[in-house]
Amino acid sequence: MGAKILVVDDEQDIRFSLSGILEDEGHEVVEAATGEEGLKAVEAGPPDLVFLDIWLPGMDGLAVLDRLREDAVAAPVVMISGHGNIETAVSAIKKGAFDFIEKPLSLEKVVITTAKALEFASLRRENQALKARIATDQVRALTGESARIAELREQIARVAPTDAWVLITGENGTGKEIVARSVHAQSRRAAQPLVAVNCAAIPEELIESELFGHQKGAFTGADAAKAGKFEMADKGTLLLDEIGDMSLKTQAKILRILQEQSFERVGGHKTIRVDVRVIAATNKDLVEQIRRGEFREDLYYRLKVFPLVVPPLRERAEDVPLLIREFVDSLAREHGLGSIGFTERAMAALKAQPWPGNVRELKNFTERMMIMYMGREIDLPQLPPDLGLEAAARSCAACTAGGGAVDAETVARQGPVDFKAARAEFERAFLEAKLREYGGNVAQLAEAIGMERSYLYRKLKGFDILTDA
C-alpha cells in the first residue's frame, strides 16, 4: 500500500512532475501551491511524507518547516531546492528536514529519496512501538496460583482482544498497572504504544497540557509545541492511572474527548482525531465519590465498560511464597544481591501478615531481607519486629515450649489489649524459651537468632530473665 505524500510548490510543472513520479510508484499525492495551503492540507489529514519548496509566495518553505515542527508533525520533510540556494537547503536540514533535492528534478533522485524517507519514518515508528513493547514485556506478569488471581487472568483474557474500555480498581500496591499492561499486551493493539499518565502526580494547572498537548506560546514556558498523551497513544492504549484524583473540570473535558475521540491542543484550534483504547485505574471508591459529588457519574459509567478488581494480598495469602521467590530472583539478577530463603515457620508467619501495602510492600520487605541476610535462610527470629502482631504470635506459638510458656491465642484473648505491651509479652516469652533451649548461653543464643549480643543482653535484662550466663 502506497504512502500519502504532500507536494508543496508554486510551480505547476514541478507539482505535475513530482505527482507523476510518485503516483507511478503507487503513492497518493496531495498538491498545494503555497505554504498556507500546505499547512491546511496537513490539518485535513497528516501525510506520510512532505516535499516542500524553499521559495514560495507568502510563507516560504523554511517558515512552513518551522510550523510543521512546532505542530509536532511526524512526517519527514524533503526540501526542493533551486540552483544557487543549496546553502539554504543545508540550513533546512539543520532545522529538521530529512533531505533536499535540486531542480531540475531527477526521476532517480526523487524515487530514491522517497524510499529512504519513508523507510526512515517506518523505522522510527517501529522503534517507538518496540520501546513500548519492551516496557510491557519487562513488567512482571500476574504471579499467583490463588483462585482470585486465576479468575482475574480469565477476565483479562476475555476482555483484552476486544476494544472495550476497562476500569481497574484495587488498593495501593496490588498491581493495577500490571493488570493494565497485561490487557494491552494481549490486545490487537499490542504492537502500538501503551501510554500511561498518573492523574494524581500532575498539577491541576498542567494536566490539560499533559493529556492534550499544547502549542508553542500557549502559556509561560511553552517554548515549543508538544503532543499530549492522547495523541501519543493514537492507535494504541491510554492508561489513566489514579483517575479518581482528577478534578471535576478535567473530568468534564475527558468525558467529551472520550465520546468524540477528538480534541484541540492547549492554545491551538486544530481538531486532532485519535483512535485510543482507554484503561482507567483507581484505588478510590468511585461510587462513594459520586455520592459526595467528587466524581462524574456519566464518566464513571463511560469508563466502566468492563470492570476488573485486583484483590489485596491478604485475600490471596497462598501467593506470598511465589511472589517472594519471584522478587528474590529478580533482585538477585538486577542488583547482584545474594539469594535468601525462609524456613517453613517463617513463611507461615509471612503468609499470616495483613500486608497493608500489598505486593509493593512485600517486594520492599524481600529486598530488605536480602540486604540483611544475603545467602542465608531466614527463620522466625530474623523477621523484623515491625511486621506486627501476627509474626510475633506465630513466633511465640511455634518456638515456646515447656512450663511457663505463653500461648499466642491465650495472650491475644486474655493478655494486654495494647499492641506494644502484647508484642513485648511475646518477645519475653520467646527469649525465655530460647534461652532455656541453649542452656542459658547468651552468646550461642545471640548467634542462633541473629541478634547482636550486647543488644540481646539488654533485652534479657529488661525482661528480668537474665540468668547467670
Protein backbone atom coordinates (compact mmCIF):
# COMPACT_ATOMS: atom_id res chain seq x y z
CA MET A 1 0.00 0.00 0.00
CA GLY A 2 1.40 3.40 -1.02
CA ALA A 3 2.04 6.37 1.21
CA LYS A 4 0.23 9.69 1.37
CA ILE A 5 2.63 12.38 0.11
CA LEU A 6 2.12 16.13 0.17
CA VAL A 7 3.84 18.22 -2.53
CA VAL A 8 4.10 21.96 -1.80
CA ASP A 9 5.48 24.03 -4.73
CA ASP A 10 4.27 27.15 -6.51
CA GLU A 11 5.39 25.85 -9.91
CA GLN A 12 2.67 23.76 -11.55
CA ASP A 13 5.20 21.92 -13.73
CA ILE A 14 7.13 20.79 -10.64
CA ARG A 15 3.95 19.60 -8.94
CA PHE A 16 2.90 17.78 -12.11
CA SER A 17 6.30 16.08 -12.49
CA LEU A 18 6.55 15.05 -8.87
CA SER A 19 2.97 13.80 -8.78
CA GLY A 20 3.54 11.70 -11.86
CA ILE A 21 6.71 10.11 -10.49
CA LEU A 22 5.20 9.39 -7.07
CA GLU A 23 1.86 8.09 -8.38
CA ASP A 24 3.73 5.74 -10.72
CA GLU A 25 5.37 4.36 -7.56
CA GLY A 26 1.92 3.67 -6.11
CA HIS A 27 1.64 6.63 -3.74
CA GLU A 28 -1.27 9.02 -3.15
CA VAL A 29 -0.29 12.65 -3.84
CA VAL A 30 -1.85 15.83 -2.43
CA GLU A 31 -0.77 19.11 -4.06
CA ALA A 32 -0.51 22.64 -2.63
CA ALA A 33 0.69 25.81 -4.40
CA THR A 34 1.51 27.84 -1.24
CA GLY A 35 2.79 27.25 2.25
CA GLU A 36 -0.57 28.21 3.71
CA GLU A 37 -2.36 25.67 1.51
CA GLY A 38 0.18 23.05 2.53
CA LEU A 39 -0.47 23.61 6.24
CA LYS A 40 -4.24 23.34 5.66
CA ALA A 41 -3.66 20.05 3.84
CA VAL A 42 -1.71 18.74 6.83
CA GLU A 43 -4.56 19.73 9.16
CA ALA A 44 -7.02 17.86 6.94
CA GLY A 45 -5.04 14.67 7.34
CA PRO A 46 -1.39 14.06 8.29
CA PRO A 47 0.77 12.91 5.35
CA ASP A 48 3.49 10.26 5.48
CA LEU A 49 5.99 12.48 3.62
CA VAL A 50 6.22 16.13 2.53
CA PHE A 51 8.06 17.59 -0.47
CA LEU A 52 8.45 21.31 0.29
CA ASP A 53 9.83 24.04 -1.97
CA ILE A 54 12.12 26.54 -0.28
CA TRP A 55 10.97 29.62 -2.28
CA LEU A 56 7.21 30.10 -2.02
CA PRO A 57 4.98 33.17 -2.29
CA GLY A 58 3.85 34.41 1.13
CA MET A 59 5.08 31.96 3.75
CA ASP A 60 8.36 30.48 2.49
CA GLY A 61 9.46 26.87 2.87
CA LEU A 62 11.61 27.44 5.97
CA ALA A 63 8.68 29.10 7.76
CA VAL A 64 6.42 26.20 6.78
CA LEU A 65 9.07 23.76 8.06
CA ASP A 66 9.15 25.63 11.38
CA ARG A 67 5.37 25.39 11.67
CA LEU A 68 5.38 21.67 10.92
CA ARG A 69 7.95 21.11 13.65
CA GLU A 70 6.07 23.37 16.07
CA ASP A 71 2.94 21.33 15.44
CA ALA A 72 4.95 18.13 16.03
CA VAL A 73 4.10 16.74 12.58
CA ALA A 74 5.97 13.44 12.42
CA ALA A 75 6.23 13.14 8.62
CA PRO A 76 9.75 13.58 7.19
CA VAL A 77 10.18 16.71 5.05
CA VAL A 78 12.25 16.78 1.84
CA MET A 79 13.12 20.32 0.70
CA ILE A 80 13.03 21.22 -3.01
CA SER A 81 16.00 23.45 -3.77
CA GLY A 82 16.61 25.61 -6.86
CA HIS A 83 20.09 26.22 -8.24
CA GLY A 84 22.06 28.62 -6.09
CA ASN A 85 20.21 28.09 -2.78
CA ILE A 86 21.96 24.90 -1.63
CA GLU A 87 23.19 26.78 1.44
CA THR A 88 19.57 27.47 2.38
CA ALA A 89 18.71 23.81 1.86
CA VAL A 90 21.51 22.79 4.23
CA SER A 91 20.11 25.25 6.76
CA ALA A 92 16.77 23.48 6.40
CA ILE A 93 18.43 20.15 7.21
CA LYS A 94 19.70 21.69 10.43
CA LYS A 95 16.13 22.74 11.22
CA GLY A 96 14.96 19.15 10.93
CA ALA A 97 14.35 18.48 7.23
CA PHE A 98 15.14 14.92 6.17
CA ASP A 99 16.92 15.76 2.88
CA PHE A 100 16.75 18.03 -0.17
CA ILE A 101 16.55 17.53 -3.92
CA GLU A 102 17.64 20.02 -6.58
CA LYS A 103 15.81 21.38 -9.59
CA PRO A 104 15.61 20.26 -12.32
CA LEU A 105 14.22 17.12 -10.76
CA SER A 106 15.89 13.78 -11.39
CA LEU A 107 13.44 10.86 -11.52
CA GLU A 108 16.01 8.53 -9.97
CA LYS A 109 16.82 11.00 -7.16
CA VAL A 110 13.13 11.51 -6.35
CA VAL A 111 12.43 7.76 -6.21
CA ILE A 112 15.49 7.01 -4.06
CA THR A 113 14.88 9.92 -1.67
CA THR A 114 11.21 8.98 -1.30
CA ALA A 115 12.07 5.38 -0.46
CA LYS A 116 14.69 6.42 2.10
CA ALA A 117 12.41 8.97 3.76
CA LEU A 118 9.51 6.52 4.05
CA GLU A 119 11.85 3.83 5.35
CA PHE A 120 13.18 6.27 7.95
CA ALA A 121 9.65 7.14 9.08
CA SER A 122 8.72 3.45 9.26
CA LEU A 123 11.82 2.60 11.32
CA ARG A 124 11.07 5.46 13.70
CA ARG A 125 7.52 4.18 14.25
CA GLU A 126 8.79 0.63 14.74
CA ASN A 127 11.37 1.87 17.23
CA GLN A 128 8.70 3.67 19.25
CA ALA A 129 6.46 0.60 19.18
CA LEU A 130 9.39 -1.64 20.15
CA LYS A 131 10.23 0.56 23.14
CA ALA A 132 6.63 0.37 24.27
CA ARG A 133 6.60 -3.41 23.76
CA ILE A 134 9.84 -3.86 25.69
CA ALA A 135 8.43 -1.79 28.53
CA THR A 136 5.38 -4.03 28.54
CA ASP A 137 7.42 -7.24 28.40
CA GLN A 138 9.64 -6.15 31.27
CA VAL A 139 6.69 -5.66 33.59
CA ARG A 140 6.18 -8.56 35.93
CA ALA A 141 3.33 -10.84 34.96
CA LEU A 142 0.43 -11.61 37.27
CA THR A 143 2.05 -14.04 39.67
CA GLY A 144 -0.02 -16.43 41.74
CA GLU A 145 -2.00 -19.65 41.79
CA SER A 146 -4.83 -18.49 44.04
CA ALA A 147 -8.44 -18.68 42.89
CA ARG A 148 -8.70 -14.87 42.88
CA ILE A 149 -5.73 -14.47 40.53
CA ALA A 150 -6.89 -17.32 38.30
CA GLU A 151 -10.27 -15.59 37.96
CA LEU A 152 -8.59 -12.25 37.20
CA ARG A 153 -6.42 -13.85 34.49
CA GLU A 154 -9.51 -15.36 32.89
CA GLN A 155 -11.28 -11.98 32.87
CA ILE A 156 -8.25 -10.31 31.30
CA ALA A 157 -8.10 -12.99 28.60
CA ARG A 158 -11.77 -12.32 27.78
CA VAL A 159 -11.63 -8.54 27.55
CA ALA A 160 -8.11 -8.00 26.14
CA PRO A 161 -8.81 -8.98 22.49
CA THR A 162 -11.76 -6.57 22.34
CA ASP A 163 -11.60 -2.78 22.22
CA ALA A 164 -13.80 -2.47 25.32
CA TRP A 165 -12.70 0.11 27.85
CA VAL A 166 -11.63 -1.22 31.22
CA LEU A 167 -11.88 0.17 34.76
CA ILE A 168 -9.38 -1.41 37.17
CA THR A 169 -9.95 -0.96 40.90
CA GLY A 170 -7.86 -2.11 43.84
CA GLU A 171 -5.88 -0.94 46.83
CA ASN A 172 -2.49 0.74 46.51
CA GLY A 173 0.28 -1.71 45.69
CA THR A 174 -1.95 -4.51 44.40
CA GLY A 175 -0.61 -4.33 40.84
CA LYS A 176 -3.23 -2.37 38.90
CA GLU A 177 -0.66 -1.18 36.35
CA ILE A 178 0.47 -4.77 35.78
CA VAL A 179 -3.13 -5.71 35.03
CA ALA A 180 -3.43 -2.79 32.60
CA ARG A 181 -0.26 -3.81 30.79
CA SER A 182 -1.49 -7.41 30.63
CA VAL A 183 -4.69 -6.22 28.95
CA HIS A 184 -2.68 -4.19 26.43
CA ALA A 185 -0.16 -6.97 25.76
CA GLN A 186 -2.95 -9.42 24.88
CA SER A 187 -4.88 -6.94 22.73
CA ARG A 188 -4.85 -6.24 18.99
CA ARG A 189 -3.05 -3.00 19.85
CA ALA A 190 -0.07 -4.72 21.48
CA ALA A 191 2.36 -3.53 18.78
CA GLN A 192 1.26 0.09 19.36
CA PRO A 193 2.16 2.28 22.35
CA LEU A 194 0.74 1.93 25.83
CA VAL A 195 0.88 5.46 27.21
CA ALA A 196 0.40 5.83 30.96
CA VAL A 197 -0.44 9.05 32.77
CA ASN A 198 -0.64 9.32 36.55
CA CYS A 199 -3.52 11.74 37.12
CA ALA A 200 -2.55 12.20 40.77
CA ALA A 201 1.05 13.20 40.03
CA ILE A 202 0.33 16.04 37.60
CA PRO A 203 -0.51 19.52 38.94
CA GLU A 204 -4.05 20.63 38.12
CA GLU A 205 -2.83 23.54 36.01
CA LEU A 206 -0.72 21.23 33.81
CA ILE A 207 -2.93 18.18 33.38
CA GLU A 208 -4.71 19.52 30.27
CA SER A 209 -1.36 20.19 28.59
CA GLU A 210 -0.15 16.74 29.63
CA LEU A 211 -3.21 14.98 28.23
CA PHE A 212 -3.99 17.08 25.17
CA GLY A 213 -0.64 18.70 24.36
CA HIS A 214 -0.03 22.40 23.72
CA GLN A 215 1.05 24.82 21.04
CA LYS A 216 4.14 26.97 21.27
CA GLY A 217 3.44 30.05 23.39
CA ALA A 218 0.21 28.62 24.86
CA PHE A 219 1.47 29.53 28.34
CA THR A 220 4.63 30.64 30.09
CA GLY A 221 7.32 28.05 29.50
CA ALA A 222 5.68 26.55 26.40
CA ASP A 223 8.74 27.14 24.23
CA ALA A 224 7.77 24.51 21.66
CA ALA A 225 4.73 22.56 20.59
CA LYS A 226 4.20 19.29 22.42
CA ALA A 227 1.99 16.31 21.67
CA GLY A 228 -0.19 15.17 24.58
CA LYS A 229 -0.74 11.68 25.94
CA PHE A 230 -3.91 11.16 23.90
CA GLU A 231 -2.07 12.00 20.70
CA MET A 232 0.89 9.79 21.64
CA ALA A 233 -1.47 6.87 22.31
CA ASP A 234 -3.14 7.06 18.88
CA LYS A 235 -3.86 3.52 17.60
CA GLY A 236 -2.72 2.21 20.99
CA THR A 237 -3.85 2.26 24.62
CA LEU A 238 -4.06 5.12 27.11
CA LEU A 239 -3.83 4.24 30.81
CA LEU A 240 -5.39 6.87 33.05
CA ASP A 241 -3.94 5.87 36.41
CA GLU A 242 -5.48 7.20 39.63
CA ILE A 243 -8.46 8.58 37.68
CA GLY A 244 -10.23 9.28 40.97
CA ASP A 245 -7.78 12.11 41.70
CA MET A 246 -8.78 14.11 38.62
CA SER A 247 -10.67 17.38 39.15
CA LEU A 248 -14.29 17.74 38.06
CA LYS A 249 -13.22 20.34 35.48
CA THR A 250 -10.78 17.95 33.84
CA GLN A 251 -13.26 15.08 34.14
CA ALA A 252 -15.73 17.06 32.01
CA LYS A 253 -13.12 17.57 29.27
CA ILE A 254 -12.03 13.94 29.45
CA LEU A 255 -15.64 12.80 29.02
CA ARG A 256 -16.07 14.89 25.88
CA ILE A 257 -12.87 13.59 24.38
CA LEU A 258 -13.71 10.00 25.23
CA GLN A 259 -17.05 10.36 23.49
CA GLU A 260 -15.76 12.16 20.39
CA GLN A 261 -12.16 10.80 20.21
CA SER A 262 -11.08 14.32 19.17
CA PHE A 263 -9.62 17.37 20.89
CA GLU A 264 -7.57 20.54 20.45
CA ARG A 265 -4.20 21.19 21.98
CA VAL A 266 -3.98 23.89 24.64
CA GLY A 267 -3.62 27.17 22.76
CA GLY A 268 -4.48 25.52 19.47
CA HIS A 269 -7.53 25.49 17.20
CA LYS A 270 -6.84 22.44 15.03
CA THR A 271 -9.01 19.43 15.85
CA ILE A 272 -6.95 16.28 16.32
CA ARG A 273 -8.69 12.94 15.94
CA VAL A 274 -7.37 9.81 17.58
CA ASP A 275 -8.19 6.12 17.90
CA VAL A 276 -7.44 5.25 21.51
CA ARG A 277 -8.46 2.44 23.83
CA VAL A 278 -8.80 3.72 27.37
CA ILE A 279 -7.96 1.81 30.54
CA ALA A 280 -8.61 3.64 33.82
CA ALA A 281 -7.33 2.61 37.25
CA THR A 282 -8.03 3.86 40.75
CA ASN A 283 -7.69 2.96 44.40
CA LYS A 284 -10.69 5.14 45.26
CA ASP A 285 -14.31 4.11 45.80
CA LEU A 286 -15.74 5.95 42.81
CA VAL A 287 -19.33 5.21 43.80
CA GLU A 288 -18.73 6.95 47.12
CA GLN A 289 -17.01 9.82 45.32
CA ILE A 290 -20.05 10.17 43.07
CA ARG A 291 -22.27 10.32 46.15
CA ARG A 292 -20.09 13.12 47.55
CA GLY A 293 -20.13 14.99 44.24
CA GLU A 294 -16.41 14.44 43.63
CA PHE A 295 -16.68 12.25 40.53
CA ARG A 296 -18.93 12.49 37.49
CA GLU A 297 -21.44 9.67 37.28
CA ASP A 298 -21.57 9.83 33.47
CA LEU A 299 -17.77 9.49 33.25
CA TYR A 300 -17.87 6.56 35.68
CA TYR A 301 -20.29 4.59 33.53
CA ARG A 302 -18.41 5.58 30.37
CA LEU A 303 -15.21 4.09 31.78
CA LYS A 304 -16.78 1.08 33.47
CA VAL A 305 -17.50 -0.96 30.36
CA PHE A 306 -15.58 -3.92 31.79
CA PRO A 307 -14.58 -3.71 35.47
CA LEU A 308 -11.57 -5.61 36.84
CA VAL A 309 -10.96 -5.85 40.58
CA VAL A 310 -7.41 -6.60 41.76
CA PRO A 311 -7.54 -8.45 45.11
CA PRO A 312 -5.42 -7.33 48.07
CA LEU A 313 -2.58 -9.63 49.08
CA ARG A 314 -4.28 -10.58 52.35
CA GLU A 315 -7.02 -12.27 50.31
CA ARG A 316 -4.55 -14.47 48.43
CA ALA A 317 -2.02 -15.42 51.08
CA GLU A 318 -1.15 -18.63 49.24
CA ASP A 319 0.56 -16.50 46.59
CA VAL A 320 3.06 -14.98 49.05
CA PRO A 321 5.75 -17.71 48.63
CA LEU A 322 5.54 -17.45 44.82
CA LEU A 323 5.82 -13.67 44.91
CA ILE A 324 8.78 -13.79 47.29
CA ARG A 325 10.60 -16.28 45.07
CA GLU A 326 9.98 -14.05 42.05
CA PHE A 327 11.27 -10.98 43.90
CA VAL A 328 14.35 -12.85 45.15
CA ASP A 329 15.20 -13.98 41.62
CA SER A 330 14.68 -10.56 40.02
CA LEU A 331 16.54 -8.64 42.75
CA ALA A 332 19.44 -11.08 42.64
CA ARG A 333 19.61 -10.70 38.86
CA GLU A 334 19.16 -6.91 38.70
CA HIS A 335 21.11 -5.78 41.76
CA GLY A 336 23.50 -8.64 42.44
CA LEU A 337 22.03 -9.38 45.86
CA GLY A 338 22.63 -12.79 47.37
CA SER A 339 19.68 -15.18 47.31
CA ILE A 340 17.75 -15.94 50.50
CA GLY A 341 15.24 -18.49 51.70
CA PHE A 342 12.71 -18.76 54.51
CA THR A 343 12.07 -21.62 56.89
CA GLU A 344 8.63 -23.20 56.88
CA ARG A 345 7.56 -21.48 60.07
CA ALA A 346 8.92 -18.11 58.89
CA MET A 347 6.97 -18.42 55.66
CA ALA A 348 3.85 -19.33 57.63
CA ALA A 349 4.26 -16.10 59.58
CA LEU A 350 4.69 -14.11 56.37
CA LYS A 351 1.56 -15.65 54.88
CA ALA A 352 -0.34 -14.59 58.01
CA GLN A 353 0.60 -10.94 57.62
CA PRO A 354 -2.10 -8.47 56.50
CA TRP A 355 0.37 -6.65 54.18
CA PRO A 356 -1.50 -3.32 54.07
CA GLY A 357 0.92 -2.15 51.35
CA ASN A 358 0.12 -5.30 49.37
CA VAL A 359 2.53 -6.64 46.71
CA ARG A 360 4.60 -3.45 46.74
CA GLU A 361 5.19 -3.80 50.49
CA LEU A 362 6.10 -7.47 50.10
CA LYS A 363 8.68 -6.60 47.45
CA ASN A 364 10.24 -3.92 49.67
CA PHE A 365 10.34 -6.39 52.57
CA THR A 366 12.04 -9.01 50.39
CA GLU A 367 14.71 -6.55 49.26
CA ARG A 368 15.31 -5.53 52.88
CA MET A 369 15.79 -9.18 53.92
CA MET A 370 18.15 -9.82 51.02
CA ILE A 371 20.33 -6.89 52.05
CA MET A 372 20.41 -8.01 55.67
CA TYR A 373 20.76 -11.77 55.22
CA MET A 374 22.41 -12.39 51.81
CA GLY A 375 22.86 -16.09 51.10
CA ARG A 376 21.10 -17.24 54.29
CA GLU A 377 17.92 -18.99 55.27
CA ILE A 378 15.74 -16.76 57.42
CA ASP A 379 13.91 -18.12 60.44
CA LEU A 380 11.27 -16.54 62.66
CA PRO A 381 13.70 -14.72 64.95
CA GLN A 382 15.18 -12.85 61.99
CA LEU A 383 11.82 -11.44 60.89
CA PRO A 384 11.73 -7.74 61.79
CA PRO A 385 9.58 -6.78 64.79
CA ASP A 386 7.74 -4.15 62.76
CA LEU A 387 5.99 -6.89 60.79
CA GLY A 388 3.35 -6.81 63.50
CA LEU A 389 1.39 -8.96 65.89
CA GLU A 390 0.89 -11.95 63.60
CA ALA A 391 4.58 -12.75 63.19
CA ALA A 392 5.21 -12.31 66.89
CA ALA A 393 2.26 -14.52 67.72
CA ARG A 394 3.49 -17.27 65.43
CA SER A 395 7.00 -16.91 66.82
CA CYS A 396 5.71 -17.45 70.29
CA ALA A 397 3.37 -20.30 69.37
CA ALA A 398 5.97 -22.12 67.27
CA CYS A 399 9.00 -21.67 69.48
CA THR A 400 7.76 -21.57 73.05
CA ALA A 401 7.64 -24.86 74.90
CA GLY A 402 7.67 -26.09 78.48
CA GLY A 403 6.46 -24.62 81.71
CA GLY A 404 5.56 -21.01 81.88
CA ALA A 405 5.18 -20.73 78.07
CA VAL A 406 2.79 -18.14 76.81
CA ASP A 407 0.35 -19.37 74.16
CA ALA A 408 -0.27 -16.81 71.39
CA GLU A 409 -4.03 -17.26 71.30
CA THR A 410 -4.25 -17.04 75.07
CA VAL A 411 -2.27 -13.82 75.14
CA ALA A 412 -4.30 -12.37 72.28
CA ARG A 413 -7.53 -13.29 74.07
CA GLN A 414 -6.64 -12.68 77.71
CA GLY A 415 -3.47 -10.62 77.64
CA PRO A 416 -2.95 -6.88 77.28
CA VAL A 417 -5.05 -5.15 74.63
CA ASP A 418 -2.32 -2.63 73.90
CA PHE A 419 -0.30 -3.79 70.87
CA LYS A 420 3.06 -2.61 72.21
CA ALA A 421 2.52 -4.41 75.51
CA ALA A 422 1.36 -7.56 73.70
CA ARG A 423 4.44 -7.64 71.49
CA ALA A 424 6.68 -7.18 74.50
CA GLU A 425 4.97 -10.14 76.17
CA PHE A 426 5.55 -12.29 73.10
CA GLU A 427 9.21 -11.25 72.89
CA ARG A 428 9.72 -12.02 76.58
CA ALA A 429 8.18 -15.49 76.21
CA PHE A 430 10.18 -16.24 73.05
CA LEU A 431 13.54 -15.18 74.54
CA GLU A 432 12.85 -17.01 77.80
CA ALA A 433 12.08 -20.24 75.95
CA LYS A 434 15.08 -19.96 73.60
CA LEU A 435 17.43 -19.16 76.49
CA ARG A 436 16.34 -22.39 78.18
CA GLU A 437 16.94 -24.22 74.89
CA TYR A 438 20.55 -23.01 74.79
CA GLY A 439 21.14 -23.75 78.46
CA GLY A 440 21.37 -20.10 79.41
CA ASN A 441 24.25 -19.39 76.98
CA VAL A 442 23.64 -15.82 75.76
CA ALA A 443 26.44 -15.94 73.18
CA GLN A 444 25.05 -19.06 71.50
CA LEU A 445 21.53 -17.67 71.62
CA ALA A 446 22.61 -14.37 70.04
CA GLU A 447 24.29 -16.21 67.16
CA ALA A 448 21.35 -18.56 66.69
CA ILE A 449 18.71 -15.85 66.43
CA GLY A 450 20.84 -13.34 64.51
CA MET A 451 20.89 -10.68 67.21
CA GLU A 452 23.84 -8.60 68.34
CA ARG A 453 24.99 -9.94 71.70
CA SER A 454 25.00 -6.64 73.61
CA TYR A 455 21.51 -5.82 72.32
CA LEU A 456 20.27 -9.28 73.36
CA TYR A 457 21.87 -8.80 76.79
CA ARG A 458 19.95 -5.56 77.25
CA LYS A 459 16.73 -7.22 76.11
CA LEU A 460 17.12 -10.09 78.61
CA LYS A 461 17.96 -7.71 81.39
CA GLY A 462 15.00 -5.52 80.53
CA PHE A 463 12.67 -8.52 80.71
CA ASP A 464 14.28 -9.59 84.02
CA ILE A 465 15.02 -13.07 82.67
CA LEU A 466 18.83 -12.83 82.60
CA THR A 467 20.45 -15.95 84.05
CA ASP A 468 23.96 -16.46 85.41
CA ALA A 469 25.29 -16.89 81.82
